[in-house]
Amino acid sequence: MQPGRQKILPAAFYRSHSGLEPVRRWLKGLSKEERGIIGDCRAWLARGNAGVEADHVATWIVGSPQQPGNRIARVIFFIHEGKMILLHGFIKKTEKTSDRDLDLAMKRKREVER
């Protein structure tokens, strides 16, 4: 690597046994502006700003007060084999991430680790 260049952590979507990529599908349902904001945030995290150790689950919160309804998105991911694996994405509706959302992300994480 050249001096002054950061290593970029590539992102990958969780893929179910049947080949579905639910986070990719969720992202496609968002507006172009929202996808851009999420992409910018993912790129920032990929440059080593995630502060996440390998195999630990983390959530990044993406929001823009300029968006209609002040929508805030959450993406749950973990670092696995040198990649940021995007496990689950959703629009935040409460202060606390629901057990249902966390359970789904953990189930997907276990599938990836097999």
C-alpha atoms as a PDB file:
ATOM      1  CA  MET A   1       0.000   0.000   0.000  1.00  0.00           C
ATOM      2  CA  GLN A   2       1.236   3.459  -0.837  1.00  0.00           C
ATOM      3  CA  PRO A   3       2.069   5.809   2.037  1.00  0.00           C
ATOM      4  CA  GLY A   4      -0.889   7.967   3.040  1.00  0.00           C
ATOM      5  CA  ARG A   5      -3.480   5.617   1.523  1.00  0.00           C
ATOM      6  CA  GLN A   6      -5.920   3.861   3.777  1.00  0.00           C
ATOM      7  CA  LYS A   7      -6.898   0.266   3.265  1.00  0.00           C
ATOM      8  CA  ILE A   8     -10.577   0.070   2.363  1.00  0.00           C
ATOM      9  CA  LEU A   9     -12.647  -2.595   4.075  1.00  0.00           C
ATOM     10  CA  PRO A  10     -14.922  -4.062   1.385  1.00  0.00           C
ATOM     11  CA  ALA A  11     -18.612  -4.501   2.119  1.00  0.00           C
ATOM     12  CA  ALA A  12     -20.646  -7.586   1.323  1.00  0.00           C
ATOM     13  CA  PHE A  13     -24.331  -8.270   1.714  1.00  0.00           C
ATOM     14  CA  TYR A  14     -25.567 -11.140   3.854  1.00  0.00           C
ATOM     15  CA  ARG A  15     -26.899 -13.788   1.469  1.00  0.00           C
ATOM     16  CA  SER A  16     -29.459 -16.364   2.592  1.00  0.00           C
ATOM     17  CA  HIS A  17     -29.180 -20.043   1.690  1.00  0.00           C
ATOM     18  CA  SER A  18     -31.726 -19.396  -1.073  1.00  0.00           C
ATOM     19  CA  GLY A  19     -29.568 -16.592  -2.522  1.00  0.00           C
ATOM     20  CA  LEU A  20     -31.619 -13.611  -1.311  1.00  0.00           C
ATOM     21  CA  GLU A  21     -29.838 -10.447  -0.175  1.00  0.00           C
ATOM     22  CA  PRO A  22     -32.383  -8.712   2.094  1.00  0.00           C
ATOM     23  CA  VAL A  23     -30.228  -5.659   2.889  1.00  0.00           C
ATOM     24  CA  ARG A  24     -29.618  -5.013  -0.821  1.00  0.00           C
ATOM     25  CA  ARG A  25     -33.376  -5.320  -1.456  1.00  0.00           C
ATOM     26  CA  TRP A  26     -34.112  -2.955   1.452  1.00  0.00           C
ATOM     27  CA  LEU A  27     -31.630  -0.395   0.114  1.00  0.00           C
ATOM     28  CA  LYS A  28     -33.203  -0.507  -3.354  1.00  0.00           C
ATOM     29  CA  GLY A  29     -36.515   0.464  -1.759  1.00  0.00           C
ATOM     30  CA  LEU A  30     -35.063   3.690  -0.342  1.00  0.00           C
ATOM     31  CA  SER A  31     -34.844   6.981  -2.188  1.00  0.00           C
ATOM     32  CA  LYS A  32     -31.715   7.820  -4.183  1.00  0.00           C
ATOM     33  CA  GLU A  33     -30.846  10.481  -1.596  1.00  0.00           C
ATOM     34  CA  GLU A  34     -31.174   8.025   1.294  1.00  0.00           C
ATOM     35  CA  ARG A  35     -29.065   5.413  -0.523  1.00  0.00           C
ATOM     36  CA  GLY A  36     -26.405   8.068  -1.123  1.00  0.00           C
ATOM     37  CA  ILE A  37     -26.279   9.040   2.545  1.00  0.00           C
ATOM     38  CA  ILE A  38     -26.032   5.389   3.601  1.00  0.00           C
ATOM     39  CA  GLY A  39     -23.336   4.774   0.989  1.00  0.00           C
ATOM     40  CA  ASP A  40     -21.305   7.752   2.208  1.00  0.00           C
ATOM     41  CA  CYS A  41     -21.528   6.482   5.771  1.00  0.00           C
ATOM     42  CA  ARG A  42     -20.541   2.945   4.731  1.00  0.00           C
ATOM     43  CA  ALA A  43     -17.527   4.329   2.868  1.00  0.00           C
ATOM     44  CA  TRP A  44     -16.459   6.266   5.972  1.00  0.00           C
ATOM     45  CA  LEU A  45     -16.740   3.113   8.086  1.00  0.00           C
ATOM     46  CA  ALA A  46     -14.886   1.087   5.452  1.00  0.00           C
ATOM     47  CA  ARG A  47     -11.870   3.386   5.785  1.00  0.00           C
ATOM     48  CA  GLY A  48     -11.272   2.006   9.275  1.00  0.00           C
ATOM     49  CA  ASN A  49     -13.629   4.224  11.235  1.00  0.00           C
ATOM     50  CA  ALA A  50     -15.940   1.414  12.300  1.00  0.00           C
ATOM     51  CA  GLY A  51     -14.080   0.770  15.550  1.00  0.00           C
ATOM     52  CA  VAL A  52     -15.346  -2.807  15.458  1.00  0.00           C
ATOM     53  CA  GLU A  53     -13.280  -5.859  16.214  1.00  0.00           C
ATOM     54  CA  ALA A  54     -13.560  -8.876  13.945  1.00  0.00           C
ATOM     55  CA  ASP A  55     -16.674 -10.982  14.505  1.00  0.00           C
ATOM     56  CA  HIS A  56     -18.374  -8.422  16.796  1.00  0.00           C
ATOM     57  CA  VAL A  57     -21.753  -7.058  15.704  1.00  0.00           C
ATOM     58  CA  ALA A  58     -22.181  -3.290  15.460  1.00  0.00           C
ATOM     59  CA  THR A  59     -24.850  -0.894  14.288  1.00  0.00           C
ATOM     60  CA  TRP A  60     -24.356   2.254  12.332  1.00  0.00           C
ATOM     61  CA  ILE A  61     -27.031   4.886  12.431  1.00  0.00           C
ATOM     62  CA  VAL A  62     -27.624   7.045   9.394  1.00  0.00           C
ATOM     63  CA  GLY A  63     -29.884  10.058   9.493  1.00  0.00           C
ATOM     64  CA  SER A  64     -30.456  13.336   7.822  1.00  0.00           C
ATOM     65  CA  PRO A  65     -32.687  16.057   9.227  1.00  0.00           C
ATOM     66  CA  GLN A  66     -33.100  17.281   5.645  1.00  0.00           C
ATOM     67  CA  GLN A  67     -34.883  14.073   4.639  1.00  0.00           C
ATOM     68  CA  PRO A  68     -38.664  14.024   4.660  1.00  0.00           C
ATOM     69  CA  GLY A  69     -39.914  12.939   8.064  1.00  0.00           C
ATOM     70  CA  ASN A  70     -36.396  13.048   9.548  1.00  0.00           C
ATOM     71  CA  ARG A  71     -36.039   9.331   8.793  1.00  0.00           C
ATOM     72  CA  ILE A  72     -33.122   7.581  10.409  1.00  0.00           C
ATOM     73  CA  ALA A  73     -31.805   4.265   9.132  1.00  0.00           C
ATOM     74  CA  ARG A  74     -29.886   1.616  11.019  1.00  0.00           C
ATOM     75  CA  VAL A  75     -27.658  -0.986   9.446  1.00  0.00           C
ATOM     76  CA  ILE A  76     -26.372  -3.870  11.543  1.00  0.00           C
ATOM     77  CA  PHE A  77     -23.094  -5.365  10.372  1.00  0.00           C
ATOM     78  CA  PHE A  78     -20.032  -7.261  11.508  1.00  0.00           C
ATOM     79  CA  ILE A  79     -16.481  -7.700  10.287  1.00  0.00           C
ATOM     80  CA  HIS A  80     -15.801 -11.206   9.014  1.00  0.00           C
ATOM     81  CA  GLU A  81     -12.805 -12.469   7.056  1.00  0.00           C
ATOM     82  CA  GLY A  82     -11.735  -8.937   6.170  1.00  0.00           C
ATOM     83  CA  LYS A  83     -15.170  -7.769   4.985  1.00  0.00           C
ATOM     84  CA  MET A  84     -17.960  -5.656   6.424  1.00  0.00           C
ATOM     85  CA  ILE A  85     -20.966  -8.011   6.226  1.00  0.00           C
ATOM     86  CA  LEU A  86     -24.255  -6.061   6.104  1.00  0.00           C
ATOM     87  CA  LEU A  87     -26.709  -8.222   8.068  1.00  0.00           C
ATOM     88  CA  HIS A  88     -29.869  -6.151   8.488  1.00  0.00           C
ATOM     89  CA  GLY A  89     -31.159  -2.696   7.577  1.00  0.00           C
ATOM     90  CA  PHE A  90     -34.256  -0.895   8.787  1.00  0.00           C
ATOM     91  CA  ILE A  91     -35.762   2.517   9.442  1.00  0.00           C
ATOM     92  CA  LYS A  92     -35.392   3.445  13.087  1.00  0.00           C
ATOM     93  CA  LYS A  93     -38.725   3.919  14.839  1.00  0.00           C
ATOM     94  CA  THR A  94     -37.725   3.895  18.504  1.00  0.00           C
ATOM     95  CA  GLU A  95     -34.710   4.870  20.610  1.00  0.00           C
ATOM     96  CA  LYS A  96     -33.827   1.240  21.317  1.00  0.00           C
ATOM     97  CA  THR A  97     -33.185  -1.341  18.606  1.00  0.00           C
ATOM     98  CA  SER A  98     -35.897  -3.974  18.944  1.00  0.00           C
ATOM     99  CA  ASP A  99     -35.072  -7.488  20.098  1.00  0.00           C
ATOM    100  CA  ARG A 100     -36.631  -8.727  16.863  1.00  0.00           C
ATOM    101  CA  ASP A 101     -34.152  -6.736  14.751  1.00  0.00           C
ATOM    102  CA  LEU A 102     -31.190  -7.789  16.899  1.00  0.00           C
ATOM    103  CA  ASP A 103     -32.259 -11.458  16.886  1.00  0.00           C
ATOM    104  CA  LEU A 104     -32.572 -11.424  13.102  1.00  0.00           C
ATOM    105  CA  ALA A 105     -29.097  -9.905  12.716  1.00  0.00           C
ATOM    106  CA  MET A 106     -27.574 -12.447  15.112  1.00  0.00           C
ATOM    107  CA  LYS A 107     -29.273 -15.330  13.279  1.00  0.00           C
ATOM    108  CA  ARG A 108     -27.811 -14.094   9.997  1.00  0.00           C
ATOM    109  CA  LYS A 109     -24.382 -13.644  11.606  1.00  0.00           C
ATOM    110  CA  ARG A 110     -24.408 -17.275  12.754  1.00  0.00           C
ATOM    111  CA  GLU A 111     -25.320 -18.382   9.219  1.00  0.00           C
ATOM    112  CA  VAL A 112     -22.381 -16.449   7.766  1.00  0.00           C
ATOM    113  CA  GLU A 113     -19.983 -17.956  10.294  1.00  0.00           C
ATOM    114  CA  ARG A 114     -20.891 -21.554   9.375  1.00  0.00           C
END
